[in-house]
PDB file of N, CA and C in Angstrom:
ATOM      1  N   MET A   1      11.836  -5.289 -10.756  1.00  0.00           N
ATOM      2  CA  MET A   1      10.741  -3.741 -10.795  1.00  0.00           C
ATOM      3  C   MET A   1      10.398  -3.937  -9.042  1.00  0.00           C
ATOM      4  N   LYS A   2      10.390  -2.290  -9.071  1.00  0.00           N
ATOM      5  CA  LYS A   2      10.259  -2.236  -7.736  1.00  0.00           C
ATOM      6  C   LYS A   2       8.616  -1.361  -7.212  1.00  0.00           C
ATOM      7  N   HIS A   3       7.907  -1.876  -6.319  1.00  0.00           N
ATOM      8  CA  HIS A   3       6.596  -1.447  -6.480  1.00  0.00           C
ATOM      9  C   HIS A   3       6.566  -0.425  -5.060  1.00  0.00           C
ATOM     10  N   ALA A   4       5.698   0.644  -5.042  1.00  0.00           N
ATOM     11  CA  ALA A   4       5.573   1.149  -4.574  1.00  0.00           C
ATOM     12  C   ALA A   4       4.330   0.890  -3.293  1.00  0.00           C
ATOM     13  N   SER A   5       3.723  -0.296  -2.879  1.00  0.00           N
ATOM     14  CA  SER A   5       2.813  -0.448  -2.381  1.00  0.00           C
ATOM     15  C   SER A   5       3.143  -0.649  -0.957  1.00  0.00           C
ATOM     16  N   TYR A   6       4.767  -0.431  -0.800  1.00  0.00           N
ATOM     17  CA  TYR A   6       5.096  -1.187   0.846  1.00  0.00           C
ATOM     18  C   TYR A   6       4.444  -0.163   1.273  1.00  0.00           C
ATOM     19  N   ALA A   7       4.597   1.173   1.692  1.00  0.00           N
ATOM     20  CA  ALA A   7       4.160   2.129   2.346  1.00  0.00           C
ATOM     21  C   ALA A   7       2.561   1.764   2.548  1.00  0.00           C
ATOM     22  N   VAL A   8       1.680   1.161   1.840  1.00  0.00           N
ATOM     23  CA  VAL A   8       0.107   0.891   2.259  1.00  0.00           C
ATOM     24  C   VAL A   8      -0.265  -0.327   2.656  1.00  0.00           C
ATOM     25  N   ARG A   9      -0.784  -0.767   3.790  1.00  0.00           N
ATOM     26  CA  ARG A   9      -0.823  -2.287   4.071  1.00  0.00           C
ATOM     27  C   ARG A   9      -2.755  -2.229   4.085  1.00  0.00           C
ATOM     28  N   ARG A  10      -2.912  -3.420   4.636  1.00  0.00           N
ATOM     29  CA  ARG A  10      -4.297  -3.957   4.587  1.00  0.00           C
ATOM     30  C   ARG A  10      -4.635  -3.288   5.982  1.00  0.00           C
ATOM     31  N   GLY A  11      -5.944  -2.862   5.823  1.00  0.00           N
ATOM     32  CA  GLY A  11      -6.285  -2.310   7.292  1.00  0.00           C
ATOM     33  C   GLY A  11      -5.831  -0.800   7.515  1.00  0.00           C
ATOM     34  N   ASP A  12      -5.023  -0.260   6.517  1.00  0.00           N
ATOM     35  CA  ASP A  12      -4.456   1.467   7.103  1.00  0.00           C
ATOM     36  C   ASP A  12      -6.002   2.091   6.031  1.00  0.00           C
ATOM     37  N   THR A  13      -6.225   3.380   7.324  1.00  0.00           N
ATOM     38  CA  THR A  13      -7.040   4.706   6.795  1.00  0.00           C
ATOM     39  C   THR A  13      -5.999   5.129   5.747  1.00  0.00           C
ATOM     40  N   VAL A  14      -6.843   5.211   4.639  1.00  0.00           N
ATOM     41  CA  VAL A  14      -6.176   6.097   3.514  1.00  0.00           C
ATOM     42  C   VAL A  14      -7.504   6.891   3.259  1.00  0.00           C
ATOM     43  N   GLU A  15      -6.691   8.269   2.461  1.00  0.00           N
ATOM     44  CA  GLU A  15      -7.504   9.311   1.473  1.00  0.00           C
ATOM     45  C   GLU A  15      -7.121   9.173   0.671  1.00  0.00           C
ATOM     46  N   VAL A  16      -8.207   9.311  -1.040  1.00  0.00           N
ATOM     47  CA  VAL A  16      -7.839   9.007  -2.324  1.00  0.00           C
ATOM     48  C   VAL A  16      -7.615  10.453  -2.619  1.00  0.00           C
ATOM     49  N   GLY A  17      -6.541  11.113  -3.220  1.00  0.00           N
ATOM     50  CA  GLY A  17      -5.917  12.041  -3.035  1.00  0.00           C
ATOM     51  C   GLY A  17      -6.375  12.520  -5.280  1.00  0.00           C
ATOM     52  N   ALA A  18      -6.495  11.865  -6.005  1.00  0.00           N
ATOM     53  CA  ALA A  18      -7.249  11.781  -7.359  1.00  0.00           C
ATOM     54  C   ALA A  18      -8.180  10.767  -7.885  1.00  0.00           C
ATOM     55  N   GLY A  19      -8.605  11.614  -9.048  1.00  0.00           N
ATOM     56  CA  GLY A  19      -9.966  10.787  -8.963  1.00  0.00           C
ATOM     57  C   GLY A  19     -11.307  10.948  -9.148  1.00  0.00           C
ATOM     58  N   LYS A  20     -12.519  10.567  -9.268  1.00  0.00           N
ATOM     59  CA  LYS A  20     -13.918  10.990  -8.799  1.00  0.00           C
ATOM     60  C   LYS A  20     -14.029  11.104  -7.890  1.00  0.00           C
ATOM     61  N   ASP A  21     -13.180  10.467  -6.846  1.00  0.00           N
ATOM     62  CA  ASP A  21     -13.385   9.982  -5.121  1.00  0.00           C
ATOM     63  C   ASP A  21     -12.371  10.698  -4.533  1.00  0.00           C
ATOM     64  N   ARG A  22     -11.641  11.662  -4.749  1.00  0.00           N
ATOM     65  CA  ARG A  22     -10.936  12.665  -4.479  1.00  0.00           C
ATOM     66  C   ARG A  22     -11.539  13.047  -2.814  1.00  0.00           C
ATOM     67  N   GLY A  23     -10.761  12.799  -1.934  1.00  0.00           N
ATOM     68  CA  GLY A  23     -11.231  13.512  -0.456  1.00  0.00           C
ATOM     69  C   GLY A  23     -11.833  12.444   0.129  1.00  0.00           C
ATOM     70  N   LYS A  24     -12.427  10.906  -0.316  1.00  0.00           N
ATOM     71  CA  LYS A  24     -13.156   9.913   0.343  1.00  0.00           C
ATOM     72  C   LYS A  24     -11.699   9.169   1.312  1.00  0.00           C
ATOM     73  N   ARG A  25     -12.146   9.378   2.565  1.00  0.00           N
ATOM     74  CA  ARG A  25     -11.313   8.030   3.143  1.00  0.00           C
ATOM     75  C   ARG A  25     -12.635   6.486   3.688  1.00  0.00           C
ATOM     76  N   GLY A  26     -11.130   5.680   3.410  1.00  0.00           N
ATOM     77  CA  GLY A  26     -11.610   4.610   3.763  1.00  0.00           C
ATOM     78  C   GLY A  26     -10.712   3.380   3.755  1.00  0.00           C
ATOM     79  N   LYS A  27     -10.897   2.128   3.885  1.00  0.00           N
ATOM     80  CA  LYS A  27      -9.995   0.934   4.559  1.00  0.00           C
ATOM     81  C   LYS A  27      -9.565   0.511   3.746  1.00  0.00           C
ATOM     82  N   VAL A  28      -8.277   0.277   3.815  1.00  0.00           N
ATOM     83  CA  VAL A  28      -7.579  -0.528   2.296  1.00  0.00           C
ATOM     84  C   VAL A  28      -8.045  -2.473   2.927  1.00  0.00           C
ATOM     85  N   LEU A  29      -8.871  -2.693   2.178  1.00  0.00           N
ATOM     86  CA  LEU A  29      -9.343  -3.835   2.058  1.00  0.00           C
ATOM     87  C   LEU A  29      -8.376  -5.504   1.421  1.00  0.00           C
ATOM     88  N   ARG A  30      -7.579  -4.707   0.368  1.00  0.00           N
ATOM     89  CA  ARG A  30      -7.142  -5.495  -0.338  1.00  0.00           C
ATOM     90  C   ARG A  30      -5.548  -4.861  -0.498  1.00  0.00           C
ATOM     91  N   VAL A  31      -4.394  -5.498  -0.602  1.00  0.00           N
ATOM     92  CA  VAL A  31      -3.420  -4.684  -1.679  1.00  0.00           C
ATOM     93  C   VAL A  31      -3.093  -5.552  -2.661  1.00  0.00           C
ATOM     94  N   LEU A  32      -2.948  -4.787  -3.886  1.00  0.00           N
ATOM     95  CA  LEU A  32      -3.010  -5.890  -5.166  1.00  0.00           C
ATOM     96  C   LEU A  32      -1.396  -5.557  -5.612  1.00  0.00           C
ATOM     97  N   SER A  33       0.000  -6.012  -4.828  1.00  0.00           N
ATOM     98  CA  SER A  33       1.383  -5.185  -5.146  1.00  0.00           C
ATOM     99  C   SER A  33       1.651  -5.320  -6.228  1.00  0.00           C
ATOM    100  N   LYS A  34       1.430  -6.341  -7.411  1.00  0.00           N
ATOM    101  CA  LYS A  34       1.744  -6.941  -8.464  1.00  0.00           C
ATOM    102  C   LYS A  34       1.307  -5.866  -9.399  1.00  0.00           C
ATOM    103  N   LYS A  35       0.272  -5.133  -9.025  1.00  0.00           N
ATOM    104  CA  LYS A  35      -0.076  -4.317 -10.426  1.00  0.00           C
ATOM    105  C   LYS A  35      -0.327  -3.058  -9.720  1.00  0.00           C
ATOM    106  N   ASP A  36       0.474  -2.528  -8.494  1.00  0.00           N
ATOM    107  CA  ASP A  36       0.250  -1.374  -7.836  1.00  0.00           C
ATOM    108  C   ASP A  36      -0.569  -0.928  -7.076  1.00  0.00           C
ATOM    109  N   ARG A  37      -2.063  -1.869  -6.887  1.00  0.00           N
ATOM    110  CA  ARG A  37      -2.947  -0.853  -7.005  1.00  0.00           C
ATOM    111  C   ARG A  37      -3.719  -1.571  -5.241  1.00  0.00           C
ATOM    112  N   VAL A  38      -4.723  -0.709  -5.258  1.00  0.00           N
ATOM    113  CA  VAL A  38      -5.507  -1.007  -3.875  1.00  0.00           C
ATOM    114  C   VAL A  38      -6.972  -1.036  -3.857  1.00  0.00           C
ATOM    115  N   LEU A  39      -7.631  -2.042  -2.852  1.00  0.00           N
ATOM    116  CA  LEU A  39      -8.549  -2.298  -3.083  1.00  0.00           C
ATOM    117  C   LEU A  39      -9.270  -1.307  -1.841  1.00  0.00           C
ATOM    118  N   ILE A  40     -10.206   0.018  -1.895  1.00  0.00           N
ATOM    119  CA  ILE A  40     -10.422   0.463  -0.420  1.00  0.00           C
ATOM    120  C   ILE A  40     -12.155   0.803  -0.480  1.00  0.00           C
ATOM    121  N   GLU A  41     -12.401  -0.027   0.667  1.00  0.00           N
ATOM    122  CA  GLU A  41     -13.560   0.374   1.257  1.00  0.00           C
ATOM    123  C   GLU A  41     -14.568   1.448   1.038  1.00  0.00           C
ATOM    124  N   GLY A  42     -15.757   1.382   0.088  1.00  0.00           N
ATOM    125  CA  GLY A  42     -16.649   2.408  -0.191  1.00  0.00           C
ATOM    126  C   GLY A  42     -16.208   3.547  -1.197  1.00  0.00           C
ATOM    127  N   VAL A  43     -14.857   3.001  -1.872  1.00  0.00           N
ATOM    128  CA  VAL A  43     -14.749   4.060  -3.180  1.00  0.00           C
ATOM    129  C   VAL A  43     -14.320   3.334  -4.071  1.00  0.00           C
ATOM    130  N   ASN A  44     -14.620   3.674  -5.014  1.00  0.00           N
ATOM    131  CA  ASN A  44     -14.159   3.852  -6.915  1.00  0.00           C
ATOM    132  C   ASN A  44     -15.421   2.362  -6.448  1.00  0.00           C
ATOM    133  N   PHE A  45     -16.671   2.805  -7.213  1.00  0.00           N
ATOM    134  CA  PHE A  45     -18.005   1.521  -7.572  1.00  0.00           C
ATOM    135  C   PHE A  45     -17.714   1.401  -8.770  1.00  0.00           C
ATOM    136  N   ALA A  46     -17.804   0.420  -9.272  1.00  0.00           N
ATOM    137  CA  ALA A  46     -18.008  -0.361 -10.720  1.00  0.00           C
ATOM    138  C   ALA A  46     -19.573  -1.083 -10.821  1.00  0.00           C
ATOM    139  N   LYS A  47     -19.662  -0.910 -11.953  1.00  0.00           N
ATOM    140  CA  LYS A  47     -20.957  -1.869 -11.726  1.00  0.00           C
ATOM    141  C   LYS A  47     -20.934  -3.533 -12.911  1.00  0.00           C
ATOM    142  N   ARG A  48     -21.239  -4.041 -12.373  1.00  0.00           N
ATOM    143  CA  ARG A  48     -20.954  -5.312 -12.787  1.00  0.00           C
ATOM    144  C   ARG A  48     -22.491  -6.187 -13.241  1.00  0.00           C
ATOM    145  N   HIS A  49     -22.482  -6.681 -14.477  1.00  0.00           N
ATOM    146  CA  HIS A  49     -23.690  -7.222 -15.022  1.00  0.00           C
ATOM    147  C   HIS A  49     -23.268  -8.994 -14.632  1.00  0.00           C
ATOM    148  N   SER A  50     -24.236  -9.383 -13.935  1.00  0.00           N
ATOM    149  CA  SER A  50     -24.312 -11.048 -13.606  1.00  0.00           C
ATOM    150  C   SER A  50     -25.428 -11.497 -14.113  1.00  0.00           C
ATOM    151  N   LYS A  51     -24.950 -12.618 -14.240  1.00  0.00           N
ATOM    152  CA  LYS A  51     -26.310 -13.708 -15.151  1.00  0.00           C
ATOM    153  C   LYS A  51     -26.653 -14.501 -13.693  1.00  0.00           C
ATOM    154  N   PRO A  52     -28.250 -14.776 -13.686  1.00  0.00           N
ATOM    155  CA  PRO A  52     -28.330 -15.764 -12.567  1.00  0.00           C
ATOM    156  C   PRO A  52     -27.314 -16.802 -12.200  1.00  0.00           C
ATOM    157  N   SER A  53     -26.928 -16.918 -10.727  1.00  0.00           N
ATOM    158  CA  SER A  53     -26.127 -17.954 -10.569  1.00  0.00           C
ATOM    159  C   SER A  53     -26.934 -18.967  -9.359  1.00  0.00           C
ATOM    160  N   ALA A  54     -25.837 -19.901  -8.813  1.00  0.00           N
ATOM    161  CA  ALA A  54     -26.385 -20.353  -7.609  1.00  0.00           C
ATOM    162  C   ALA A  54     -26.270 -19.476  -6.783  1.00  0.00           C
ATOM    163  N   LYS A  55     -25.042 -18.381  -6.693  1.00  0.00           N
ATOM    164  CA  LYS A  55     -24.643 -17.945  -5.803  1.00  0.00           C
ATOM    165  C   LYS A  55     -25.402 -16.419  -5.822  1.00  0.00           C
ATOM    166  N   ASN A  56     -26.122 -16.160  -6.987  1.00  0.00           N
ATOM    167  CA  ASN A  56     -26.505 -14.640  -7.088  1.00  0.00           C
ATOM    168  C   ASN A  56     -27.644 -15.494  -7.696  1.00  0.00           C
ATOM    169  N   ARG A  57     -28.784 -15.571  -7.287  1.00  0.00           N
ATOM    170  CA  ARG A  57     -30.475 -16.238  -7.985  1.00  0.00           C
ATOM    171  C   ARG A  57     -30.813 -15.098  -8.812  1.00  0.00           C
ATOM    172  N   GLN A  58     -30.688 -14.017  -8.478  1.00  0.00           N
ATOM    173  CA  GLN A  58     -31.795 -12.807  -9.072  1.00  0.00           C
ATOM    174  C   GLN A  58     -30.841 -12.668 -10.415  1.00  0.00           C
ATOM    175  N   GLY A  59     -29.452 -12.197 -10.440  1.00  0.00           N
ATOM    176  CA  GLY A  59     -28.889 -11.626 -11.501  1.00  0.00           C
ATOM    177  C   GLY A  59     -28.656 -10.332 -11.633  1.00  0.00           C
ATOM    178  N   GLY A  60     -28.408  -9.596 -12.393  1.00  0.00           N
ATOM    179  CA  GLY A  60     -28.730  -7.890 -12.647  1.00  0.00           C
ATOM    180  C   GLY A  60     -27.504  -7.160 -12.426  1.00  0.00           C
ATOM    181  N   ILE A  61     -27.399  -6.204 -12.351  1.00  0.00           N
ATOM    182  CA  ILE A  61     -26.660  -5.391 -11.690  1.00  0.00           C
ATOM    183  C   ILE A  61     -25.958  -4.802 -10.238  1.00  0.00           C
ATOM    184  N   ILE A  62     -24.406  -5.314 -10.078  1.00  0.00           N
ATOM    185  CA  ILE A  62     -23.950  -5.387  -8.921  1.00  0.00           C
ATOM    186  C   ILE A  62     -22.839  -4.211  -8.925  1.00  0.00           C
ATOM    187  N   GLU A  63     -22.850  -3.715  -8.053  1.00  0.00           N
ATOM    188  CA  GLU A  63     -22.002  -2.442  -7.850  1.00  0.00           C
ATOM    189  C   GLU A  63     -20.863  -2.853  -6.621  1.00  0.00           C
ATOM    190  N   LYS A  64     -19.712  -2.851  -7.221  1.00  0.00           N
ATOM    191  CA  LYS A  64     -18.458  -3.311  -5.968  1.00  0.00           C
ATOM    192  C   LYS A  64     -17.041  -2.594  -6.210  1.00  0.00           C
ATOM    193  N   GLU A  65     -16.569  -2.435  -5.055  1.00  0.00           N
ATOM    194  CA  GLU A  65     -15.329  -1.501  -4.765  1.00  0.00           C
ATOM    195  C   GLU A  65     -14.492  -1.829  -6.312  1.00  0.00           C
ATOM    196  N   ALA A  66     -13.576  -1.235  -6.860  1.00  0.00           N
ATOM    197  CA  ALA A  66     -12.651  -1.745  -7.726  1.00  0.00           C
ATOM    198  C   ALA A  66     -11.690  -1.366  -7.626  1.00  0.00           C
ATOM    199  N   PRO A  67     -10.064  -1.399  -7.762  1.00  0.00           N
ATOM    200  CA  PRO A  67      -8.951  -1.225  -7.510  1.00  0.00           C
ATOM    201  C   PRO A  67      -8.473   0.259  -7.867  1.00  0.00           C
ATOM    202  N   ILE A  68      -7.847   0.993  -6.881  1.00  0.00           N
ATOM    203  CA  ILE A  68      -7.309   2.533  -7.947  1.00  0.00           C
ATOM    204  C   ILE A  68      -5.782   2.122  -7.504  1.00  0.00           C
ATOM    205  N   HIS A  69      -5.162   3.389  -8.568  1.00  0.00           N
ATOM    206  CA  HIS A  69      -3.621   3.106  -8.287  1.00  0.00           C
ATOM    207  C   HIS A  69      -2.919   3.469  -6.619  1.00  0.00           C
ATOM    208  N   VAL A  70      -1.986   2.829  -6.185  1.00  0.00           N
ATOM    209  CA  VAL A  70      -1.714   2.783  -4.933  1.00  0.00           C
ATOM    210  C   VAL A  70      -0.852   4.446  -5.082  1.00  0.00           C
ATOM    211  N   SER A  71      -0.526   5.222  -5.726  1.00  0.00           N
ATOM    212  CA  SER A  71      -0.166   6.435  -5.785  1.00  0.00           C
ATOM    213  C   SER A  71      -1.433   7.941  -5.336  1.00  0.00           C
ATOM    214  N   ASN A  72      -2.597   7.200  -5.574  1.00  0.00           N
ATOM    215  CA  ASN A  72      -3.703   8.085  -5.380  1.00  0.00           C
ATOM    216  C   ASN A  72      -4.313   7.723  -3.744  1.00  0.00           C
ATOM    217  N   ALA A  73      -3.907   6.782  -3.216  1.00  0.00           N
ATOM    218  CA  ALA A  73      -4.134   6.421  -2.178  1.00  0.00           C
ATOM    219  C   ALA A  73      -2.676   7.031  -0.953  1.00  0.00           C
ATOM    220  N   HIS A  74      -3.494   7.883   0.136  1.00  0.00           N
ATOM    221  CA  HIS A  74      -2.740   8.652   0.897  1.00  0.00           C
ATOM    222  C   HIS A  74      -2.940   7.905   1.939  1.00  0.00           C
ATOM    223  N   VAL A  75      -2.023   7.443   3.148  1.00  0.00           N
ATOM    224  CA  VAL A  75      -2.277   6.961   4.471  1.00  0.00           C
ATOM    225  C   VAL A  75      -2.354   8.058   5.317  1.00  0.00           C
ATOM    226  N   VAL A  76      -3.340   8.131   6.292  1.00  0.00           N
ATOM    227  CA  VAL A  76      -4.082   8.737   7.388  1.00  0.00           C
ATOM    228  C   VAL A  76      -3.115   8.760   9.018  1.00  0.00           C
ATOM    229  N   CYS A  77      -2.705   9.177   8.970  1.00  0.00           N
ATOM    230  CA  CYS A  77      -2.093   9.649  10.251  1.00  0.00           C
ATOM    231  C   CYS A  77      -2.828   9.520  11.728  1.00  0.00           C
ATOM    232  N   PRO A  78      -2.889   8.518  12.161  1.00  0.00           N
ATOM    233  CA  PRO A  78      -3.630   8.228  13.331  1.00  0.00           C
ATOM    234  C   PRO A  78      -3.795   9.728  14.600  1.00  0.00           C
ATOM    235  N   ARG A  79      -2.792   9.851  14.806  1.00  0.00           N
ATOM    236  CA  ARG A  79      -2.493  11.120  15.347  1.00  0.00           C
ATOM    237  C   ARG A  79      -2.883  12.394  14.848  1.00  0.00           C
ATOM    238  N   CYS A  80      -1.943  12.920  13.885  1.00  0.00           N
ATOM    239  CA  CYS A  80      -1.932  14.035  13.237  1.00  0.00           C
ATOM    240  C   CYS A  80      -3.536  14.581  12.311  1.00  0.00           C
ATOM    241  N   ASP A  81      -4.377  12.988  11.757  1.00  0.00           N
ATOM    242  CA  ASP A  81      -5.536  12.927  11.619  1.00  0.00           C
ATOM    243  C   ASP A  81      -5.629  13.685  10.166  1.00  0.00           C
ATOM    244  N   LYS A  82      -4.346  13.910   9.690  1.00  0.00           N
ATOM    245  CA  LYS A  82      -4.352  14.104   8.208  1.00  0.00           C
ATOM    246  C   LYS A  82      -3.578  12.998   7.044  1.00  0.00           C
ATOM    247  N   PRO A  83      -3.835  13.245   6.095  1.00  0.00           N
ATOM    248  CA  PRO A  83      -2.945  12.028   4.510  1.00  0.00           C
ATOM    249  C   PRO A  83      -1.612  12.876   4.599  1.00  0.00           C
ATOM    250  N   THR A  84      -0.508  11.614   4.489  1.00  0.00           N
ATOM    251  CA  THR A  84       0.499  11.711   4.491  1.00  0.00           C
ATOM    252  C   THR A  84       1.566  10.814   4.147  1.00  0.00           C
ATOM    253  N   ARG A  85       2.995  11.349   3.830  1.00  0.00           N
ATOM    254  CA  ARG A  85       3.523  10.042   2.986  1.00  0.00           C
ATOM    255  C   ARG A  85       4.246   9.263   4.226  1.00  0.00           C
ATOM    256  N   VAL A  86       4.149   7.911   4.104  1.00  0.00           N
ATOM    257  CA  VAL A  86       5.502   7.201   5.300  1.00  0.00           C
ATOM    258  C   VAL A  86       6.732   7.007   5.055  1.00  0.00           C
ATOM    259  N   GLY A  87       7.523   7.515   6.242  1.00  0.00           N
ATOM    260  CA  GLY A  87       8.849   7.094   6.169  1.00  0.00           C
ATOM    261  C   GLY A  87       9.069   5.663   7.192  1.00  0.00           C
ATOM    262  N   HIS A  88      10.758   5.447   7.210  1.00  0.00           N
ATOM    263  CA  HIS A  88      10.448   4.159   8.467  1.00  0.00           C
ATOM    264  C   HIS A  88      11.845   4.849   9.254  1.00  0.00           C
ATOM    265  N   SER A  89      11.616   3.820  10.273  1.00  0.00           N
ATOM    266  CA  SER A  89      12.467   4.177  11.581  1.00  0.00           C
ATOM    267  C   SER A  89      12.720   3.054  11.993  1.00  0.00           C
ATOM    268  N   GLU A  90      13.726   2.997  12.749  1.00  0.00           N
ATOM    269  CA  GLU A  90      14.295   1.495  13.683  1.00  0.00           C
ATOM    270  C   GLU A  90      13.883   2.183  14.637  1.00  0.00           C
ATOM    271  N   ARG A  91      12.815   1.316  15.773  1.00  0.00           N
ATOM    272  CA  ARG A  91      12.276   1.756  16.942  1.00  0.00           C
ATOM    273  C   ARG A  91      12.477   0.728  17.923  1.00  0.00           C
ATOM    274  N   GLY A  92      14.098   0.879  18.725  1.00  0.00           N
ATOM    275  CA  GLY A  92      14.699  -0.013  19.354  1.00  0.00           C
ATOM    276  C   GLY A  92      14.520  -1.614  19.138  1.00  0.00           C
ATOM    277  N   THR A  93      13.416  -2.382  20.106  1.00  0.00           N
ATOM    278  CA  THR A  93      12.992  -3.937  19.947  1.00  0.00           C
ATOM    279  C   THR A  93      12.118  -3.750  18.762  1.00  0.00           C
ATOM    280  N   ALA A  94      11.128  -2.911  18.563  1.00  0.00           N
ATOM    281  CA  ALA A  94       9.873  -2.931  17.989  1.00  0.00           C
ATOM    282  C   ALA A  94      11.074  -3.365  16.373  1.00  0.00           C
ATOM    283  N   GLY A  95      11.797  -2.766  16.235  1.00  0.00           N
ATOM    284  CA  GLY A  95      12.306  -2.796  14.893  1.00  0.00           C
ATOM    285  C   GLY A  95      12.094  -1.480  13.866  1.00  0.00           C
ATOM    286  N   LYS A  96      12.265  -1.959  12.442  1.00  0.00           N
ATOM    287  CA  LYS A  96      11.903  -0.578  11.504  1.00  0.00           C
ATOM    288  C   LYS A  96      10.394  -0.850  11.859  1.00  0.00           C
ATOM    289  N   VAL A  97       9.435   0.238  11.069  1.00  0.00           N
ATOM    290  CA  VAL A  97       8.318   0.634  11.510  1.00  0.00           C
ATOM    291  C   VAL A  97       8.102   1.816  10.751  1.00  0.00           C
ATOM    292  N   ARG A  98       6.868   1.985  10.038  1.00  0.00           N
ATOM    293  CA  ARG A  98       6.231   3.227   9.543  1.00  0.00           C
ATOM    294  C   ARG A  98       5.872   4.387  10.379  1.00  0.00           C
ATOM    295  N   VAL A  99       6.659   5.587   9.800  1.00  0.00           N
ATOM    296  CA  VAL A  99       6.605   6.310  10.804  1.00  0.00           C
ATOM    297  C   VAL A  99       5.649   7.882  10.005  1.00  0.00           C
ATOM    298  N   CYS A 100       4.659   8.217  10.072  1.00  0.00           N
ATOM    299  CA  CYS A 100       4.422   9.992   9.580  1.00  0.00           C
ATOM    300  C   CYS A 100       4.982  10.936   9.056  1.00  0.00           C
ATOM    301  N   ARG A 101       5.702  11.692   8.005  1.00  0.00           N
ATOM    302  CA  ARG A 101       6.264  12.386   7.881  1.00  0.00           C
ATOM    303  C   ARG A 101       6.432  13.700   8.765  1.00  0.00           C
ATOM    304  N   LYS A 102       4.743  13.940   9.228  1.00  0.00           N
ATOM    305  CA  LYS A 102       4.340  15.431   9.393  1.00  0.00           C
ATOM    306  C   LYS A 102       4.725  15.463  10.702  1.00  0.00           C
ATOM    307  N   CYS A 103       4.274  14.231  11.715  1.00  0.00           N
ATOM    308  CA  CYS A 103       4.486  14.912  12.823  1.00  0.00           C
ATOM    309  C   CYS A 103       5.211  13.797  13.592  1.00  0.00           C
ATOM    310  N   GLY A 104       5.974  12.417  12.926  1.00  0.00           N
ATOM    311  CA  GLY A 104       6.617  11.565  13.459  1.00  0.00           C
ATOM    312  C   GLY A 104       6.467  10.447  14.678  1.00  0.00           C
ATOM    313  N   GLU A 105       4.861  10.130  14.666  1.00  0.00           N
ATOM    314  CA  GLU A 105       4.521   8.917  15.164  1.00  0.00           C
ATOM    315  C   GLU A 105       4.629   8.171  14.528  1.00  0.00           C
ATOM    316  N   GLY A 106       4.644   6.987  14.903  1.00  0.00           N
ATOM    317  CA  GLY A 106       4.461   5.947  14.678  1.00  0.00           C
ATOM    318  C   GLY A 106       3.016   5.029  13.847  1.00  0.00           C
ATOM    319  N   ILE A 107       3.003   4.929  12.345  1.00  0.00           N
ATOM    320  CA  ILE A 107       1.474   4.718  12.163  1.00  0.00           C
ATOM    321  C   ILE A 107       1.405   2.870  12.657  1.00  0.00           C
ATOM    322  N   ASP A 108       1.319   2.076  13.061  1.00  0.00           N
ATOM    323  CA  ASP A 108       1.852   1.259  13.248  1.00  0.00           C
ATOM    324  C   ASP A 108       1.233   0.655  15.005  1.00  0.00           C
ATOM    325  N   GLY A 109       1.233   1.677  15.360  1.00  0.00           N
ATOM    326  CA  GLY A 109       1.237   1.761  16.650  1.00  0.00           C
ATOM    327  C   GLY A 109       1.744   1.633  17.669  1.00  0.00           C
ATOM    328  N   ARG A 110       3.174   1.380  17.144  1.00  0.00           N
ATOM    329  CA  ARG A 110       4.409   1.154  17.978  1.00  0.00           C
ATOM    330  C   ARG A 110       5.445   2.500  18.189  1.00  0.00           C
TER     331      ARG A 110
END
């Protein structure tokens, strides 16, 4: 089974392309490659009810980010500042790097 999350990595800035948070940008906190999902900072908040515990003395309703499908997260190119698909290119000693399909600039800073 091939997973599509190879183009999105932790630390990338992505823009949400579909759903209730469409158009929002955030940093990728975590990539769940086996489930083809990504956790993005400040996007797709879900409410969780928690009992009082040692970690959370008060308990109550906690809001935290929930993962979204990787196909709805588009990598934002640092040069042209637009959401783009990711291509791959051989760049000398750097080896295989991710590149922007719109402007051709390296996404990894190489």
